[in-house]
């Protein structure tokens, strides 16, 4: 898609990637060796700088094993960003007419509609009883969203974009 996060005036060559984490990464395909995504929608809060410095410090094998277990437990306890999914992101769909709108389907049973330019969740839909695997915008009627779930239902939702 061509919507550049954080900039409403410039266009970019962007791709959205969902994973087993609750965040959605937006990558700029024009940047050859990008280390970090251009933006992250939702997901977990970044760890505190003090924790990162402590984990980077060296020590004995027992200390490192303790630190690894502590780090794993801390990752499970990390706070989610506002508007984030609470489980894996299973499906994504860019809106063709409203270039800054992205829909995400999640294993937490919700569908979220994101404003990529502002990097915020605009709407959260909880109309399924199971994991939501797919979301797709109607190419003829751009505000209409189709969602499919593990509860064996599909839903057509008209969204105010």
Protein backbone atom coordinates (compact mmCIF):
# COMPACT_ATOMS: atom_id res chain seq x y z
CA UNK A 1 0.00 0.00 0.00
CA UNK A 2 1.16 3.54 -0.43
CA UNK A 3 0.08 5.13 2.89
CA UNK A 4 3.15 6.27 4.81
CA UNK A 5 2.66 6.02 8.61
CA UNK A 6 3.19 9.31 10.40
CA UNK A 7 3.04 11.32 7.16
CA UNK A 8 -0.20 12.24 5.44
CA UNK A 9 1.50 14.05 2.55
CA UNK A 10 4.15 11.61 1.32
CA UNK A 11 3.49 8.23 -0.19
CA UNK A 12 5.55 5.11 0.35
CA UNK A 13 5.73 1.52 -0.77
CA UNK A 14 4.50 -0.19 2.40
CA UNK A 15 3.58 -3.71 3.50
CA UNK A 16 1.73 -4.79 6.66
CA UNK A 17 2.78 -7.98 8.44
CA UNK A 18 0.85 -9.76 11.16
CA UNK A 19 2.39 -12.52 13.27
CA UNK A 20 1.85 -14.67 16.32
CA UNK A 21 2.43 -11.51 18.37
CA UNK A 22 -0.43 -9.03 18.85
CA UNK A 23 1.35 -6.26 16.90
CA UNK A 24 1.18 -5.37 13.21
CA UNK A 25 4.43 -4.25 11.62
CA UNK A 26 4.39 -1.77 8.74
CA UNK A 27 7.56 -2.03 6.65
CA UNK A 28 8.79 0.40 3.98
CA UNK A 29 9.81 -1.66 0.95
CA UNK A 30 11.85 1.23 -0.46
CA UNK A 31 14.34 1.00 2.43
CA UNK A 32 16.83 -1.74 1.52
CA UNK A 33 18.34 -2.75 4.87
CA UNK A 34 15.73 -1.67 7.38
CA UNK A 35 16.37 -2.98 10.88
CA UNK A 36 13.05 -1.88 12.36
CA UNK A 37 9.60 -1.44 10.84
CA UNK A 38 8.41 2.04 9.86
CA UNK A 39 5.57 1.66 12.37
CA UNK A 40 4.01 -0.90 14.70
CA UNK A 41 0.25 -0.90 15.22
CA UNK A 42 -0.65 -2.22 18.65
CA UNK A 43 1.59 -4.90 20.12
CA UNK A 44 3.48 -4.92 23.37
CA UNK A 45 5.05 -1.90 25.07
CA UNK A 46 8.82 -1.79 24.55
CA UNK A 47 10.84 -2.98 27.57
CA UNK A 48 12.25 -0.38 29.95
CA UNK A 49 15.79 0.78 29.24
CA UNK A 50 16.96 -0.44 32.65
CA UNK A 51 15.79 -3.98 31.96
CA UNK A 52 17.52 -3.96 28.58
CA UNK A 53 20.79 -2.77 30.12
CA UNK A 54 20.58 -5.41 32.83
CA UNK A 55 19.98 -8.17 30.27
CA UNK A 56 22.95 -6.98 28.20
CA UNK A 57 25.33 -7.25 31.19
CA UNK A 58 27.51 -10.37 31.19
CA UNK A 59 27.92 -12.93 33.97
CA UNK A 60 28.18 -16.61 34.81
CA UNK A 61 26.16 -19.34 33.10
CA UNK A 62 23.78 -19.60 36.08
CA UNK A 63 23.22 -15.85 36.03
CA UNK A 64 22.54 -15.92 32.31
CA UNK A 65 20.03 -18.78 32.71
CA UNK A 66 18.25 -16.88 35.49
CA UNK A 67 18.21 -13.72 33.38
CA UNK A 68 16.84 -15.65 30.40
CA UNK A 69 14.01 -17.12 32.52
CA UNK A 70 13.33 -13.69 34.02
CA UNK A 71 13.28 -12.10 30.56
CA UNK A 72 10.85 -14.75 29.28
CA UNK A 73 8.51 -14.14 32.24
CA UNK A 74 8.77 -10.37 31.74
CA UNK A 75 7.81 -10.73 28.07
CA UNK A 76 4.66 -12.59 29.08
CA UNK A 77 3.78 -9.81 31.53
CA UNK A 78 4.48 -6.87 29.19
CA UNK A 79 1.62 -4.44 28.84
CA UNK A 80 -0.18 -4.13 25.53
CA UNK A 81 -0.37 -0.80 23.75
CA UNK A 82 -3.78 0.90 23.71
CA UNK A 83 -6.05 -0.50 20.99
CA UNK A 84 -3.91 -3.58 20.48
CA UNK A 85 -5.06 -7.12 19.83
CA UNK A 86 -4.40 -9.46 22.75
CA UNK A 87 -3.47 -12.47 20.62
CA UNK A 88 -1.98 -13.36 17.23
CA UNK A 89 -2.89 -11.37 14.11
CA UNK A 90 -4.19 -13.88 11.55
CA UNK A 91 -5.39 -11.70 8.67
CA UNK A 92 -4.87 -8.22 7.23
CA UNK A 93 -6.60 -6.22 4.50
CA UNK A 94 -5.79 -2.73 3.15
CA UNK A 95 -8.73 -0.66 1.94
CA UNK A 96 -8.27 0.26 -1.74
CA UNK A 97 -10.20 3.55 -1.67
CA UNK A 98 -9.34 4.78 1.82
CA UNK A 99 -5.57 4.26 1.58
CA UNK A 100 -4.87 4.84 5.27
CA UNK A 101 -7.34 2.17 6.49
CA UNK A 102 -6.21 -1.34 7.44
CA UNK A 103 -8.38 -4.13 8.88
CA UNK A 104 -6.86 -6.83 11.08
CA UNK A 105 -8.36 -10.16 12.15
CA UNK A 106 -7.09 -11.82 15.31
CA UNK A 107 -7.12 -15.00 17.35
CA UNK A 108 -8.53 -12.91 20.22
CA UNK A 109 -11.91 -12.94 18.40
CA UNK A 110 -11.85 -9.30 17.31
CA UNK A 111 -11.47 -7.36 14.10
CA UNK A 112 -9.80 -3.97 14.35
CA UNK A 113 -9.89 -1.15 11.84
CA UNK A 114 -6.71 0.95 11.96
CA UNK A 115 -5.86 4.44 10.75
CA UNK A 116 -2.32 3.76 9.56
CA UNK A 117 -1.40 7.44 9.08
CA UNK A 118 -2.34 8.25 12.70
CA UNK A 119 -1.23 4.78 13.94
CA UNK A 120 -4.36 4.27 16.06
CA UNK A 121 -7.18 1.74 16.22
CA UNK A 122 -10.38 3.46 15.09
CA UNK A 123 -12.89 0.61 15.57
CA UNK A 124 -12.96 -2.75 17.35
CA UNK A 125 -15.53 -5.33 16.23
CA UNK A 126 -16.40 -8.31 18.45
CA UNK A 127 -19.13 -9.96 16.43
CA UNK A 128 -17.55 -13.45 16.22
CA UNK A 129 -17.42 -16.13 18.93
CA UNK A 130 -14.13 -17.68 17.82
CA UNK A 131 -10.79 -16.75 16.34
CA UNK A 132 -11.18 -14.45 13.35
CA UNK A 133 -8.99 -15.72 10.54
CA UNK A 134 -9.85 -13.52 7.57
CA UNK A 135 -10.83 -9.96 6.75
CA UNK A 136 -11.32 -8.46 3.29
CA UNK A 137 -12.66 -5.12 2.06
CA UNK A 138 -15.25 -5.21 -0.72
CA UNK A 139 -13.58 -3.86 -3.89
CA UNK A 140 -16.88 -2.41 -5.21
CA UNK A 141 -18.18 -0.95 -1.93
CA UNK A 142 -15.11 0.18 -0.01
CA UNK A 143 -16.73 0.68 3.44
CA UNK A 144 -18.00 -2.93 3.49
CA UNK A 145 -15.81 -5.45 5.31
CA UNK A 146 -16.15 -9.25 5.13
CA UNK A 147 -14.83 -11.29 8.05
CA UNK A 148 -14.54 -15.03 8.55
CA UNK A 149 -14.09 -16.90 11.81
CA UNK A 150 -13.32 -20.30 13.29
CA UNK A 151 -16.88 -20.27 14.64
CA UNK A 152 -17.90 -21.16 11.05
CA UNK A 153 -19.52 -17.81 10.34
CA UNK A 154 -18.86 -15.02 7.91
CA UNK A 155 -20.06 -11.48 8.48
CA UNK A 156 -20.52 -8.43 6.26
CA UNK A 157 -20.04 -5.20 8.19
CA UNK A 158 -20.54 -1.68 6.90
CA UNK A 159 -17.86 0.57 8.39
CA UNK A 160 -17.87 4.38 8.57
CA UNK A 161 -14.50 5.15 6.98
